[in-house]
Amino acid sequence: MPIPLIQIGCGGVGQALIQQLLSQHAALAQRYGIDLAYHALADSRAVYSTGAPLTLEQVQAALHARQQGQSLATLAGAQVGLHWRELLPVSPAIIIDVTATDGMHPALVQAVQQGHRVVLANKKPLTADYASFTALTAHGATRYEATVGAGLPTIHTLQSLLDTGDTVQRIEACMSGTLGFLCTALDDGQSLSAAVLTAYQQGYTEPDPRDDLSGTDVARKALILARSCGLAWTLDDVPSEPLFSPELAHGSVAAFLQRLPELDAGIAARLAAAQSRNAVLRYVATLELGPQPSASIALRELPLSHPLAALRGTDNLIAYTTARYPAPLVVRGAGAGPAVTAAGVLTDVIATARELATPE
């Protein structure tokens, strides 16, 4: 029996996910005996559904439309103004959220309560109120590997440690490809303003680079890790240090980019001081998980011997210090990009589908 999929989001990651699922559909059916069938696809304007499982040809047509910059609303059978939850089938479905949309958690929680499963690349449902986090993740109803390290086994590693009785004492992580790119550029002698401008022009940053430079995205990822460890924290418990001064927090993107050189001297001085001590600067999230848990997210000076010091480019690195791993257990690799993020989502979809296909 086909396992229904409802995918919310058909942007870069969503399109990559559709491509990967189409290419692996036959192999997954042969290897695991699972038939993953799209029940509906949704973008910001419409929901594409025919009332029956979409054929592979229909899914391919939807993908082609999105790749051409067209909304799903242009497809025959697409419905504008319909909410995806109105299409939930009676049998358990897998709802896949690959958006960055606020306010998704109430509908997702309701779906879980009705017996459906959820796979997330969207961090926001897990960083809303703590009650929603627990409702989504209770009994493994939601998988969310791609929310923290794209395709890296970040959450899987953490959950394996916890499930086997290890005690996680500290997590240190570089979890922003954009900030990693900037730190590498500083190592290579570029000014902060030049590095940010390059990253902005090459599409590495968000449309407003302050969304990256504020550390808010890293804070969301850190909060997900903390909550996965059982801490009932909010975003206020994981404060992040912006790389820009408060007076640059407001105004247009163009004005911000024009004033960026004002930050160069301060960052250059910090870098020179670090290098004089054989150290580097890295934007690090640190979770202390002992008797008095705490968090810090900031640009830190690290000795060259530190696991995070060797990190370059857009790679992510998460180091878990535990009772069993006093020398940290390290997960490292590409932590951004549509293809690797989609692969992380598809891995979660496959694992969820195998559970649903296994007779109780």
Foldseek 3Di string as FASTA:
>chain_A
DAAEEEEEACPLLNLLLLVVCLVCQVVLCVPQVYHHFYQWYHYPFWIAHDLDTDDNVRSVVCSVCVVVVHHPVVDPRIDGPDDVLVRDDLAAHEYEYEDQDAPPLVSLLVSVVSPYAYEYLHLRQCQDALVSVCSRCPPHRYHYCNVFQQQFCPLVVLVVCVVVPWFFFKKKKFGFLLQQQQQQVVVVPDFSLVSLVVCCVVVSADVQNQVVQLCQSVLSNVVSSVVSVPDSDHSVQAHEHGLDDPVLPDDDSVVSSVCVVVSRVVVNVVQVVLVVVQWGWGFMWMWGDPPDIGIYTYTDTGHCPDPVRPRHHRKMKMWTCIPVCVPTDIIIDHRDDSNSNSNNSVVVVSVVSSVSPDDD
